[in-house]
Amino acid sequence: MNNAAEVLRRELMSEDGFLLKLRTDLSWDRAALTRLDQAMRAVCEEYEAADQLDRDLAEGFHVLATSVPEWTSHPNFSRPEPESYYTACLERLSLLAYWFFTGGSPYIEGHVWPDL
């Protein structure tokens, strides 16, 4: 098992993970999202030519792309950052899910992903 996939699994299942804080507290952990984003990109690169995907990773990518937008639209979700930040983050999660499931990056080779 590769390191990026393990980091991603830990982040998705962790008691301190991004998803848990978002879902239970409706709070956005910027540092956890950064770890998650980096792990997701590395996993996408590693699985780009794979014929099969790990079910737990696929479930995680699906939840991130579909549930995070729903949870952040909740009226009690606090938005201390500018709206453009959350929009960029949600777009990133969607693009990474696209990349993971299709095996093709939505950008040309050499694209530099901006920090979130």
PDB file of N, CA and C in Angstrom:
ATOM      1  N   MET A   1       0.853  -1.186   0.000  1.00  0.00           N
ATOM      2  CA  MET A   1       0.000   0.000   0.000  1.00  0.00           C
ATOM      3  C   MET A   1       0.891   1.238   0.000  1.00  0.00           C
ATOM      4  N   ASN A   2       0.569   2.190  -0.826  1.00  0.00           N
ATOM      5  CA  ASN A   2       1.415   3.371  -0.933  1.00  0.00           C
ATOM      6  C   ASN A   2       1.120   4.375   0.172  1.00  0.00           C
ATOM      7  N   ASN A   3       2.061   5.266   0.392  1.00  0.00           N
ATOM      8  CA  ASN A   3       1.954   6.236   1.467  1.00  0.00           C
ATOM      9  C   ASN A   3       0.801   7.219   1.261  1.00  0.00           C
ATOM     10  N   ALA A   4       0.630   7.741   0.053  1.00  0.00           N
ATOM     11  CA  ALA A   4      -0.440   8.719  -0.201  1.00  0.00           C
ATOM     12  C   ALA A   4      -1.809   8.106   0.062  1.00  0.00           C
ATOM     13  N   ALA A   5      -2.003   6.861  -0.365  1.00  0.00           N
ATOM     14  CA  ALA A   5      -3.290   6.199  -0.123  1.00  0.00           C
ATOM     15  C   ALA A   5      -3.514   6.006   1.369  1.00  0.00           C
ATOM     16  N   GLU A   6      -2.463   5.677   2.099  1.00  0.00           N
ATOM     17  CA  GLU A   6      -2.596   5.497   3.553  1.00  0.00           C
ATOM     18  C   GLU A   6      -2.921   6.819   4.242  1.00  0.00           C
ATOM     19  N   VAL A   7      -2.259   7.892   3.828  1.00  0.00           N
ATOM     20  CA  VAL A   7      -2.556   9.226   4.375  1.00  0.00           C
ATOM     21  C   VAL A   7      -4.016   9.576   4.095  1.00  0.00           C
ATOM     22  N   LEU A   8      -4.456   9.318   2.880  1.00  0.00           N
ATOM     23  CA  LEU A   8      -5.843   9.613   2.508  1.00  0.00           C
ATOM     24  C   LEU A   8      -6.818   8.786   3.337  1.00  0.00           C
ATOM     25  N   ARG A   9      -6.536   7.501   3.485  1.00  0.00           N
ATOM     26  CA  ARG A   9      -7.418   6.649   4.303  1.00  0.00           C
ATOM     27  C   ARG A   9      -7.486   7.151   5.746  1.00  0.00           C
ATOM     28  N   ARG A  10      -6.330   7.504   6.310  1.00  0.00           N
ATOM     29  CA  ARG A  10      -6.311   8.005   7.691  1.00  0.00           C
ATOM     30  C   ARG A  10      -7.106   9.305   7.796  1.00  0.00           C
ATOM     31  N   GLU A  11      -6.944  10.174   6.830  1.00  0.00           N
ATOM     32  CA  GLU A  11      -7.658  11.456   6.854  1.00  0.00           C
ATOM     33  C   GLU A  11      -9.165  11.235   6.730  1.00  0.00           C
ATOM     34  N   LEU A  12      -9.558  10.310   5.893  1.00  0.00           N
ATOM     35  CA  LEU A  12     -10.983  10.038   5.703  1.00  0.00           C
ATOM     36  C   LEU A  12     -11.612   9.366   6.925  1.00  0.00           C
ATOM     37  N   MET A  13     -10.853   8.546   7.641  1.00  0.00           N
ATOM     38  CA  MET A  13     -11.401   7.773   8.754  1.00  0.00           C
ATOM     39  C   MET A  13     -11.029   8.305  10.133  1.00  0.00           C
ATOM     40  N   SER A  14     -10.175   9.284  10.187  1.00  0.00           N
ATOM     41  CA  SER A  14      -9.627   9.775  11.446  1.00  0.00           C
ATOM     42  C   SER A  14     -10.678  10.446  12.318  1.00  0.00           C
ATOM     43  N   GLU A  15     -10.468  10.336  13.605  1.00  0.00           N
ATOM     44  CA  GLU A  15     -11.336  11.054  14.541  1.00  0.00           C
ATOM     45  C   GLU A  15     -11.096  12.551  14.467  1.00  0.00           C
ATOM     46  N   ASP A  16      -9.952  12.946  13.952  1.00  0.00           N
ATOM     47  CA  ASP A  16      -9.640  14.362  13.778  1.00  0.00           C
ATOM     48  C   ASP A  16      -9.707  14.789  12.320  1.00  0.00           C
ATOM     49  N   GLY A  17     -10.215  13.946  11.467  1.00  0.00           N
ATOM     50  CA  GLY A  17     -10.190  14.196  10.036  1.00  0.00           C
ATOM     51  C   GLY A  17     -11.101  15.318   9.583  1.00  0.00           C
ATOM     52  N   PHE A  18     -10.846  15.756   8.381  1.00  0.00           N
ATOM     53  CA  PHE A  18     -11.606  16.839   7.767  1.00  0.00           C
ATOM     54  C   PHE A  18     -13.105  16.538   7.726  1.00  0.00           C
ATOM     55  N   LEU A  19     -13.444  15.340   7.272  1.00  0.00           N
ATOM     56  CA  LEU A  19     -14.863  14.993   7.132  1.00  0.00           C
ATOM     57  C   LEU A  19     -15.595  14.964   8.462  1.00  0.00           C
ATOM     58  N   LEU A  20     -14.968  14.398   9.472  1.00  0.00           N
ATOM     59  CA  LEU A  20     -15.633  14.305  10.771  1.00  0.00           C
ATOM     60  C   LEU A  20     -15.925  15.691  11.339  1.00  0.00           C
ATOM     61  N   LYS A  21     -14.938  16.573  11.290  1.00  0.00           N
ATOM     62  CA  LYS A  21     -15.153  17.934  11.798  1.00  0.00           C
ATOM     63  C   LYS A  21     -16.225  18.667  11.003  1.00  0.00           C
ATOM     64  N   LEU A  22     -16.190  18.464   9.708  1.00  0.00           N
ATOM     65  CA  LEU A  22     -17.177  19.131   8.861  1.00  0.00           C
ATOM     66  C   LEU A  22     -18.578  18.604   9.154  1.00  0.00           C
ATOM     67  N   ARG A  23     -18.700  17.294   9.235  1.00  0.00           N
ATOM     68  CA  ARG A  23     -20.023  16.674   9.403  1.00  0.00           C
ATOM     69  C   ARG A  23     -20.592  16.877  10.798  1.00  0.00           C
ATOM     70  N   THR A  24     -19.771  16.720  11.818  1.00  0.00           N
ATOM     71  CA  THR A  24     -20.311  16.783  13.175  1.00  0.00           C
ATOM     72  C   THR A  24     -20.348  18.198  13.746  1.00  0.00           C
ATOM     73  N   ASP A  25     -19.331  19.001  13.413  1.00  0.00           N
ATOM     74  CA  ASP A  25     -19.247  20.352  13.981  1.00  0.00           C
ATOM     75  C   ASP A  25     -19.612  21.452  12.994  1.00  0.00           C
ATOM     76  N   LEU A  26     -19.794  21.054  11.730  1.00  0.00           N
ATOM     77  CA  LEU A  26     -19.978  22.033  10.657  1.00  0.00           C
ATOM     78  C   LEU A  26     -18.852  23.066  10.678  1.00  0.00           C
ATOM     79  N   SER A  27     -17.625  22.552  10.941  1.00  0.00           N
ATOM     80  CA  SER A  27     -16.462  23.441  10.940  1.00  0.00           C
ATOM     81  C   SER A  27     -15.463  22.963   9.899  1.00  0.00           C
ATOM     82  N   TRP A  28     -14.822  23.902   9.278  1.00  0.00           N
ATOM     83  CA  TRP A  28     -13.887  23.654   8.189  1.00  0.00           C
ATOM     84  C   TRP A  28     -12.476  23.714   8.756  1.00  0.00           C
ATOM     85  N   ASP A  29     -11.736  22.630   8.630  1.00  0.00           N
ATOM     86  CA  ASP A  29     -10.356  22.555   9.103  1.00  0.00           C
ATOM     87  C   ASP A  29      -9.436  22.734   7.902  1.00  0.00           C
ATOM     88  N   ARG A  30      -8.907  23.916   7.771  1.00  0.00           N
ATOM     89  CA  ARG A  30      -8.101  24.258   6.595  1.00  0.00           C
ATOM     90  C   ARG A  30      -6.839  23.386   6.497  1.00  0.00           C
ATOM     91  N   ALA A  31      -6.181  23.137   7.628  1.00  0.00           N
ATOM     92  CA  ALA A  31      -4.970  22.301   7.623  1.00  0.00           C
ATOM     93  C   ALA A  31      -5.307  20.871   7.209  1.00  0.00           C
ATOM     94  N   ALA A  32      -6.416  20.345   7.716  1.00  0.00           N
ATOM     95  CA  ALA A  32      -6.831  18.984   7.347  1.00  0.00           C
ATOM     96  C   ALA A  32      -7.187  18.922   5.865  1.00  0.00           C
ATOM     97  N   LEU A  33      -7.813  19.968   5.342  1.00  0.00           N
ATOM     98  CA  LEU A  33      -8.137  19.986   3.914  1.00  0.00           C
ATOM     99  C   LEU A  33      -6.865  20.006   3.073  1.00  0.00           C
ATOM    100  N   THR A  34      -5.859  20.731   3.499  1.00  0.00           N
ATOM    101  CA  THR A  34      -4.593  20.768   2.770  1.00  0.00           C
ATOM    102  C   THR A  34      -3.966  19.383   2.719  1.00  0.00           C
ATOM    103  N   ARG A  35      -3.939  18.679   3.852  1.00  0.00           N
ATOM    104  CA  ARG A  35      -3.414  17.303   3.874  1.00  0.00           C
ATOM    105  C   ARG A  35      -4.227  16.406   2.952  1.00  0.00           C
ATOM    106  N   LEU A  36      -5.535  16.554   3.027  1.00  0.00           N
ATOM    107  CA  LEU A  36      -6.445  15.759   2.212  1.00  0.00           C
ATOM    108  C   LEU A  36      -6.218  16.030   0.722  1.00  0.00           C
ATOM    109  N   ASP A  37      -6.133  17.282   0.350  1.00  0.00           N
ATOM    110  CA  ASP A  37      -5.921  17.685  -1.039  1.00  0.00           C
ATOM    111  C   ASP A  37      -4.619  17.100  -1.576  1.00  0.00           C
ATOM    112  N   GLN A  38      -3.540  17.216  -0.832  1.00  0.00           N
ATOM    113  CA  GLN A  38      -2.255  16.701  -1.277  1.00  0.00           C
ATOM    114  C   GLN A  38      -2.294  15.184  -1.430  1.00  0.00           C
ATOM    115  N   ALA A  39      -2.917  14.506  -0.487  1.00  0.00           N
ATOM    116  CA  ALA A  39      -3.025  13.044  -0.569  1.00  0.00           C
ATOM    117  C   ALA A  39      -3.906  12.634  -1.744  1.00  0.00           C
ATOM    118  N   MET A  40      -5.001  13.346  -1.960  1.00  0.00           N
ATOM    119  CA  MET A  40      -5.889  13.025  -3.080  1.00  0.00           C
ATOM    120  C   MET A  40      -5.166  13.178  -4.413  1.00  0.00           C
ATOM    121  N   ARG A  41      -4.398  14.251  -4.569  1.00  0.00           N
ATOM    122  CA  ARG A  41      -3.658  14.451  -5.824  1.00  0.00           C
ATOM    123  C   ARG A  41      -2.627  13.355  -6.043  1.00  0.00           C
ATOM    124  N   ALA A  42      -1.930  12.975  -4.995  1.00  0.00           N
ATOM    125  CA  ALA A  42      -0.924  11.914  -5.112  1.00  0.00           C
ATOM    126  C   ALA A  42      -1.584  10.580  -5.458  1.00  0.00           C
ATOM    127  N   VAL A  43      -2.723  10.288  -4.834  1.00  0.00           N
ATOM    128  CA  VAL A  43      -3.444   9.047  -5.139  1.00  0.00           C
ATOM    129  C   VAL A  43      -3.935   9.062  -6.585  1.00  0.00           C
ATOM    130  N   CYS A  44      -4.430  10.185  -7.043  1.00  0.00           N
ATOM    131  CA  CYS A  44      -4.878  10.287  -8.440  1.00  0.00           C
ATOM    132  C   CYS A  44      -3.732   9.981  -9.397  1.00  0.00           C
ATOM    133  N   GLU A  45      -2.569  10.525  -9.116  1.00  0.00           N
ATOM    134  CA  GLU A  45      -1.407  10.255  -9.961  1.00  0.00           C
ATOM    135  C   GLU A  45      -1.057   8.772  -9.944  1.00  0.00           C
ATOM    136  N   GLU A  46      -1.081   8.164  -8.771  1.00  0.00           N
ATOM    137  CA  GLU A  46      -0.705   6.761  -8.639  1.00  0.00           C
ATOM    138  C   GLU A  46      -1.721   5.820  -9.280  1.00  0.00           C
ATOM    139  N   TYR A  47      -2.982   6.199  -9.263  1.00  0.00           N
ATOM    140  CA  TYR A  47      -4.032   5.329  -9.808  1.00  0.00           C
ATOM    141  C   TYR A  47      -4.399   5.674 -11.252  1.00  0.00           C
ATOM    142  N   GLU A  48      -3.734   6.638 -11.838  1.00  0.00           N
ATOM    143  CA  GLU A  48      -4.105   7.105 -13.166  1.00  0.00           C
ATOM    144  C   GLU A  48      -4.175   5.979 -14.203  1.00  0.00           C
ATOM    145  N   ALA A  49      -3.250   5.039 -14.141  1.00  0.00           N
ATOM    146  CA  ALA A  49      -3.221   3.955 -15.127  1.00  0.00           C
ATOM    147  C   ALA A  49      -3.788   2.646 -14.579  1.00  0.00           C
ATOM    148  N   ALA A  50      -4.367   2.691 -13.399  1.00  0.00           N
ATOM    149  CA  ALA A  50      -4.880   1.462 -12.767  1.00  0.00           C
ATOM    150  C   ALA A  50      -6.135   0.966 -13.477  1.00  0.00           C
ATOM    151  N   ASP A  51      -6.258  -0.337 -13.563  1.00  0.00           N
ATOM    152  CA  ASP A  51      -7.457  -0.940 -14.143  1.00  0.00           C
ATOM    153  C   ASP A  51      -8.580  -1.051 -13.120  1.00  0.00           C
ATOM    154  N   GLN A  52      -8.204  -1.101 -11.844  1.00  0.00           N
ATOM    155  CA  GLN A  52      -9.194  -1.237 -10.775  1.00  0.00           C
ATOM    156  C   GLN A  52      -8.894  -0.223  -9.682  1.00  0.00           C
ATOM    157  N   LEU A  53      -9.941   0.214  -9.004  1.00  0.00           N
ATOM    158  CA  LEU A  53      -9.808   1.169  -7.905  1.00  0.00           C
ATOM    159  C   LEU A  53     -10.150   0.480  -6.593  1.00  0.00           C
ATOM    160  N   ASP A  54      -9.499   0.909  -5.527  1.00  0.00           N
ATOM    161  CA  ASP A  54      -9.846   0.402  -4.201  1.00  0.00           C
ATOM    162  C   ASP A  54     -11.197   0.965  -3.789  1.00  0.00           C
ATOM    163  N   ARG A  55     -12.056   0.089  -3.306  1.00  0.00           N
ATOM    164  CA  ARG A  55     -13.418   0.490  -2.945  1.00  0.00           C
ATOM    165  C   ARG A  55     -13.440   1.579  -1.869  1.00  0.00           C
ATOM    166  N   ASP A  56     -12.591   1.453  -0.838  1.00  0.00           N
ATOM    167  CA  ASP A  56     -12.618   2.448   0.238  1.00  0.00           C
ATOM    168  C   ASP A  56     -12.158   3.821  -0.262  1.00  0.00           C
ATOM    169  N   LEU A  57     -11.183   3.846  -1.151  1.00  0.00           N
ATOM    170  CA  LEU A  57     -10.765   5.123  -1.724  1.00  0.00           C
ATOM    171  C   LEU A  57     -11.854   5.700  -2.625  1.00  0.00           C
ATOM    172  N   ALA A  58     -12.474   4.836  -3.420  1.00  0.00           N
ATOM    173  CA  ALA A  58     -13.559   5.300  -4.296  1.00  0.00           C
ATOM    174  C   ALA A  58     -14.704   5.884  -3.472  1.00  0.00           C
ATOM    175  N   GLU A  59     -15.041   5.217  -2.390  1.00  0.00           N
ATOM    176  CA  GLU A  59     -16.098   5.739  -1.515  1.00  0.00           C
ATOM    177  C   GLU A  59     -15.710   7.098  -0.954  1.00  0.00           C
ATOM    178  N   GLY A  60     -14.447   7.239  -0.534  1.00  0.00           N
ATOM    179  CA  GLY A  60     -13.979   8.515  -0.001  1.00  0.00           C
ATOM    180  C   GLY A  60     -14.043   9.633  -1.025  1.00  0.00           C
ATOM    181  N   PHE A  61     -13.582   9.376  -2.240  1.00  0.00           N
ATOM    182  CA  PHE A  61     -13.650  10.388  -3.293  1.00  0.00           C
ATOM    183  C   PHE A  61     -15.102  10.766  -3.586  1.00  0.00           C
ATOM    184  N   HIS A  62     -15.971   9.769  -3.604  1.00  0.00           N
ATOM    185  CA  HIS A  62     -17.393  10.033  -3.872  1.00  0.00           C
ATOM    186  C   HIS A  62     -17.999  10.908  -2.768  1.00  0.00           C
ATOM    187  N   VAL A  63     -17.741  10.556  -1.528  1.00  0.00           N
ATOM    188  CA  VAL A  63     -18.285  11.333  -0.402  1.00  0.00           C
ATOM    189  C   VAL A  63     -17.766  12.767  -0.443  1.00  0.00           C
ATOM    190  N   LEU A  64     -16.477  12.917  -0.703  1.00  0.00           N
ATOM    191  CA  LEU A  64     -15.907  14.265  -0.749  1.00  0.00           C
ATOM    192  C   LEU A  64     -16.531  15.113  -1.855  1.00  0.00           C
ATOM    193  N   ALA A  65     -16.762  14.504  -3.005  1.00  0.00           N
ATOM    194  CA  ALA A  65     -17.308  15.270  -4.141  1.00  0.00           C
ATOM    195  C   ALA A  65     -18.797  15.538  -4.012  1.00  0.00           C
ATOM    196  N   THR A  66     -19.530  14.673  -3.309  1.00  0.00           N
ATOM    197  CA  THR A  66     -20.984  14.833  -3.265  1.00  0.00           C
ATOM    198  C   THR A  66     -21.512  15.349  -1.926  1.00  0.00           C
ATOM    199  N   SER A  67     -20.923  14.920  -0.838  1.00  0.00           N
ATOM    200  CA  SER A  67     -21.463  15.293   0.478  1.00  0.00           C
ATOM    201  C   SER A  67     -20.922  16.609   1.009  1.00  0.00           C
ATOM    202  N   VAL A  68     -19.661  16.911   0.730  1.00  0.00           N
ATOM    203  CA  VAL A  68     -19.099  18.160   1.251  1.00  0.00           C
ATOM    204  C   VAL A  68     -19.881  19.374   0.745  1.00  0.00           C
ATOM    205  N   PRO A  69     -20.232  19.454  -0.547  1.00  0.00           N
ATOM    206  CA  PRO A  69     -21.048  20.607  -0.974  1.00  0.00           C
ATOM    207  C   PRO A  69     -22.393  20.692  -0.240  1.00  0.00           C
ATOM    208  N   GLU A  70     -22.984  19.539   0.020  1.00  0.00           N
ATOM    209  CA  GLU A  70     -24.260  19.514   0.744  1.00  0.00           C
ATOM    210  C   GLU A  70     -24.080  20.018   2.172  1.00  0.00           C
ATOM    211  N   TRP A  71     -23.070  19.517   2.861  1.00  0.00           N
ATOM    212  CA  TRP A  71     -22.854  19.907   4.258  1.00  0.00           C
ATOM    213  C   TRP A  71     -22.490  21.379   4.386  1.00  0.00           C
ATOM    214  N   THR A  72     -21.720  21.904   3.437  1.00  0.00           N
ATOM    215  CA  THR A  72     -21.321  23.314   3.533  1.00  0.00           C
ATOM    216  C   THR A  72     -22.445  24.260   3.128  1.00  0.00           C
ATOM    217  N   SER A  73     -23.507  23.725   2.561  1.00  0.00           N
ATOM    218  CA  SER A  73     -24.657  24.576   2.243  1.00  0.00           C
ATOM    219  C   SER A  73     -25.637  24.661   3.413  1.00  0.00           C
ATOM    220  N   HIS A  74     -25.355  23.937   4.488  1.00  0.00           N
ATOM    221  CA  HIS A  74     -26.220  23.967   5.672  1.00  0.00           C
ATOM    222  C   HIS A  74     -26.235  25.386   6.250  1.00  0.00           C
ATOM    223  N   PRO A  75     -27.396  25.869   6.689  1.00  0.00           N
ATOM    224  CA  PRO A  75     -27.474  27.244   7.206  1.00  0.00           C
ATOM    225  C   PRO A  75     -26.593  27.500   8.428  1.00  0.00           C
ATOM    226  N   ASN A  76     -26.265  26.460   9.195  1.00  0.00           N
ATOM    227  CA  ASN A  76     -25.427  26.639  10.381  1.00  0.00           C
ATOM    228  C   ASN A  76     -23.933  26.518  10.091  1.00  0.00           C
ATOM    229  N   PHE A  77     -23.579  26.279   8.843  1.00  0.00           N
ATOM    230  CA  PHE A  77     -22.166  26.180   8.500  1.00  0.00           C
ATOM    231  C   PHE A  77     -21.539  27.562   8.555  1.00  0.00           C
ATOM    232  N   SER A  78     -20.526  27.692   9.393  1.00  0.00           N
ATOM    233  CA  SER A  78     -19.826  28.965   9.546  1.00  0.00           C
ATOM    234  C   SER A  78     -18.865  29.160   8.382  1.00  0.00           C
ATOM    235  N   ARG A  79     -18.851  30.348   7.830  1.00  0.00           N
ATOM    236  CA  ARG A  79     -17.979  30.648   6.688  1.00  0.00           C
ATOM    237  C   ARG A  79     -17.067  31.835   7.025  1.00  0.00           C
ATOM    238  N   PRO A  80     -16.017  31.566   7.816  1.00  0.00           N
ATOM    239  CA  PRO A  80     -15.111  32.669   8.151  1.00  0.00           C
ATOM    240  C   PRO A  80     -14.229  33.105   6.981  1.00  0.00           C
ATOM    241  N   GLU A  81     -14.072  32.237   5.984  1.00  0.00           N
ATOM    242  CA  GLU A  81     -13.263  32.563   4.806  1.00  0.00           C
ATOM    243  C   GLU A  81     -14.160  33.203   3.744  1.00  0.00           C
ATOM    244  N   PRO A  82     -13.562  33.885   2.776  1.00  0.00           N
ATOM    245  CA  PRO A  82     -14.363  34.451   1.672  1.00  0.00           C
ATOM    246  C   PRO A  82     -15.061  33.334   0.888  1.00  0.00           C
ATOM    247  N   GLU A  83     -16.191  33.637   0.331  1.00  0.00           N
ATOM    248  CA  GLU A  83     -16.970  32.655  -0.430  1.00  0.00           C
ATOM    249  C   GLU A  83     -16.141  32.034  -1.561  1.00  0.00           C
ATOM    250  N   SER A  84     -15.278  32.828  -2.167  1.00  0.00           N
ATOM    251  CA  SER A  84     -14.443  32.328  -3.265  1.00  0.00           C
ATOM    252  C   SER A  84     -13.537  31.180  -2.816  1.00  0.00           C
ATOM    253  N   TYR A  85     -13.109  31.187  -1.562  1.00  0.00           N
ATOM    254  CA  TYR A  85     -12.276  30.101  -1.029  1.00  0.00           C
ATOM    255  C   TYR A  85     -13.053  28.785  -1.026  1.00  0.00           C
ATOM    256  N   TYR A  86     -14.271  28.802  -0.504  1.00  0.00           N
ATOM    257  CA  TYR A  86     -15.073  27.579  -0.441  1.00  0.00           C
ATOM    258  C   TYR A  86     -15.438  27.089  -1.847  1.00  0.00           C
ATOM    259  N   THR A  87     -15.738  28.015  -2.731  1.00  0.00           N
ATOM    260  CA  THR A  87     -16.041  27.646  -4.113  1.00  0.00           C
ATOM    261  C   THR A  87     -14.841  26.949  -4.748  1.00  0.00           C
ATOM    262  N   ALA A  88     -13.651  27.481  -4.545  1.00  0.00           N
ATOM    263  CA  ALA A  88     -12.435  26.877  -5.099  1.00  0.00           C
ATOM    264  C   ALA A  88     -12.184  25.495  -4.491  1.00  0.00           C
ATOM    265  N   CYS A  89     -12.431  25.350  -3.213  1.00  0.00           N
ATOM    266  CA  CYS A  89     -12.230  24.064  -2.539  1.00  0.00           C
ATOM    267  C   CYS A  89     -13.210  23.014  -3.056  1.00  0.00           C
ATOM    268  N   LEU A  90     -14.463  23.379  -3.190  1.00  0.00           N
ATOM    269  CA  LEU A  90     -15.462  22.432  -3.689  1.00  0.00           C
ATOM    270  C   LEU A  90     -15.172  22.047  -5.138  1.00  0.00           C
ATOM    271  N   GLU A  91     -14.728  23.007  -5.927  1.00  0.00           N
ATOM    272  CA  GLU A  91     -14.358  22.695  -7.307  1.00  0.00           C
ATOM    273  C   GLU A  91     -13.168  21.740  -7.326  1.00  0.00           C
ATOM    274  N   ARG A  92     -12.197  21.968  -6.447  1.00  0.00           N
ATOM    275  CA  ARG A  92     -11.031  21.088  -6.386  1.00  0.00           C
ATOM    276  C   ARG A  92     -11.445  19.657  -6.053  1.00  0.00           C
ATOM    277  N   LEU A  93     -12.322  19.495  -5.062  1.00  0.00           N
ATOM    278  CA  LEU A  93     -12.778  18.153  -4.691  1.00  0.00           C
ATOM    279  C   LEU A  93     -13.472  17.467  -5.860  1.00  0.00           C
ATOM    280  N   SER A  94     -14.268  18.210  -6.592  1.00  0.00           N
ATOM    281  CA  SER A  94     -14.962  17.661  -7.751  1.00  0.00           C
ATOM    282  C   SER A  94     -13.976  17.260  -8.849  1.00  0.00           C
ATOM    283  N   LEU A  95     -12.991  18.104  -9.128  1.00  0.00           N
ATOM    284  CA  LEU A  95     -11.995  17.807 -10.153  1.00  0.00           C
ATOM    285  C   LEU A  95     -11.144  16.594  -9.777  1.00  0.00           C
ATOM    286  N   LEU A  96     -10.811  16.492  -8.505  1.00  0.00           N
ATOM    287  CA  LEU A  96     -10.019  15.342  -8.064  1.00  0.00           C
ATOM    288  C   LEU A  96     -10.825  14.049  -8.159  1.00  0.00           C
ATOM    289  N   ALA A  97     -12.092  14.108  -7.846  1.00  0.00           N
ATOM    290  CA  ALA A  97     -12.940  12.918  -8.000  1.00  0.00           C
ATOM    291  C   ALA A  97     -13.024  12.538  -9.474  1.00  0.00           C
ATOM    292  N   TYR A  98     -13.189  13.511 -10.338  1.00  0.00           N
ATOM    293  CA  TYR A  98     -13.213  13.253 -11.779  1.00  0.00           C
ATOM    294  C   TYR A  98     -11.935  12.545 -12.203  1.00  0.00           C
ATOM    295  N   TRP A  99     -10.804  13.065 -11.774  1.00  0.00           N
ATOM    296  CA  TRP A  99      -9.502  12.498 -12.124  1.00  0.00           C
ATOM    297  C   TRP A  99      -9.378  11.064 -11.613  1.00  0.00           C
ATOM    298  N   PHE A 100      -9.762  10.852 -10.358  1.00  0.00           N
ATOM    299  CA  PHE A 100      -9.644   9.522  -9.767  1.00  0.00           C
ATOM    300  C   PHE A 100     -10.500   8.503 -10.527  1.00  0.00           C
ATOM    301  N   PHE A 101     -11.741   8.858 -10.802  1.00  0.00           N
ATOM    302  CA  PHE A 101     -12.662   7.904 -11.423  1.00  0.00           C
ATOM    303  C   PHE A 101     -12.418   7.690 -12.919  1.00  0.00           C
ATOM    304  N   THR A 102     -11.933   8.709 -13.601  1.00  0.00           N
ATOM    305  CA  THR A 102     -11.724   8.559 -15.046  1.00  0.00           C
ATOM    306  C   THR A 102     -10.298   8.166 -15.397  1.00  0.00           C
ATOM    307  N   GLY A 103      -9.352   8.423 -14.503  1.00  0.00           N
ATOM    308  CA  GLY A 103      -7.957   8.121 -14.791  1.00  0.00           C
ATOM    309  C   GLY A 103      -7.271   9.194 -15.619  1.00  0.00           C
ATOM    310  N   GLY A 104      -7.949  10.298 -15.834  1.00  0.00           N
ATOM    311  CA  GLY A 104      -7.362  11.388 -16.615  1.00  0.00           C
ATOM    312  C   GLY A 104      -7.486  12.712 -15.892  1.00  0.00           C
ATOM    313  N   SER A 105      -6.367  13.382 -15.742  1.00  0.00           N
ATOM    314  CA  SER A 105      -6.383  14.691 -15.098  1.00  0.00           C
ATOM    315  C   SER A 105      -7.201  15.669 -15.931  1.00  0.00           C
ATOM    316  N   PRO A 106      -7.945  16.552 -15.276  1.00  0.00           N
ATOM    317  CA  PRO A 106      -8.701  17.554 -16.028  1.00  0.00           C
ATOM    318  C   PRO A 106      -7.799  18.657 -16.601  1.00  0.00           C
ATOM    319  N   TYR A 107      -6.507  18.606 -16.288  1.00  0.00           N
ATOM    320  CA  TYR A 107      -5.567  19.623 -16.753  1.00  0.00           C
ATOM    321  C   TYR A 107      -4.460  18.980 -17.584  1.00  0.00           C
ATOM    322  N   ILE A 108      -3.792  19.794 -18.370  1.00  0.00           N
ATOM    323  CA  ILE A 108      -2.683  19.291 -19.171  1.00  0.00           C
ATOM    324  C   ILE A 108      -1.491  19.004 -18.267  1.00  0.00           C
ATOM    325  N   GLU A 109      -0.589  18.150 -18.745  1.00  0.00           N
ATOM    326  CA  GLU A 109       0.582  17.784 -17.974  1.00  0.00           C
ATOM    327  C   GLU A 109       1.385  19.035 -17.619  1.00  0.00           C
ATOM    328  N   GLY A 110       1.863  19.084 -16.399  1.00  0.00           N
ATOM    329  CA  GLY A 110       2.639  20.232 -15.932  1.00  0.00           C
ATOM    330  C   GLY A 110       1.803  21.275 -15.206  1.00  0.00           C
ATOM    331  N   HIS A 111       0.483  21.081 -15.163  1.00  0.00           N
ATOM    332  CA  HIS A 111      -0.385  22.036 -14.450  1.00  0.00           C
ATOM    333  C   HIS A 111       0.065  22.141 -12.998  1.00  0.00           C
ATOM    334  N   VAL A 112       0.106  23.338 -12.482  1.00  0.00           N
ATOM    335  CA  VAL A 112       0.465  23.564 -11.090  1.00  0.00           C
ATOM    336  C   VAL A 112      -0.816  23.865 -10.330  1.00  0.00           C
ATOM    337  N   TRP A 113      -1.147  23.000  -9.382  1.00  0.00           N
ATOM    338  CA  TRP A 113      -2.343  23.182  -8.581  1.00  0.00           C
ATOM    339  C   TRP A 113      -2.089  24.290  -7.570  1.00  0.00           C
ATOM    340  N   PRO A 114      -2.894  25.323  -7.564  1.00  0.00           N
ATOM    341  CA  PRO A 114      -2.695  26.385  -6.569  1.00  0.00           C
ATOM    342  C   PRO A 114      -3.032  25.891  -5.167  1.00  0.00           C
ATOM    343  N   ASP A 115      -2.378  26.465  -4.177  1.00  0.00           N
ATOM    344  CA  ASP A 115      -2.688  26.131  -2.782  1.00  0.00           C
ATOM    345  C   ASP A 115      -4.115  26.558  -2.461  1.00  0.00           C
ATOM    346  N   LEU A 116      -4.728  25.805  -1.589  1.00  0.00           N
ATOM    347  CA  LEU A 116      -6.074  26.171  -1.117  1.00  0.00           C
ATOM    348  C   LEU A 116      -5.979  26.860   0.221  1.00  0.00           C
TER     349      LEU A 116
END
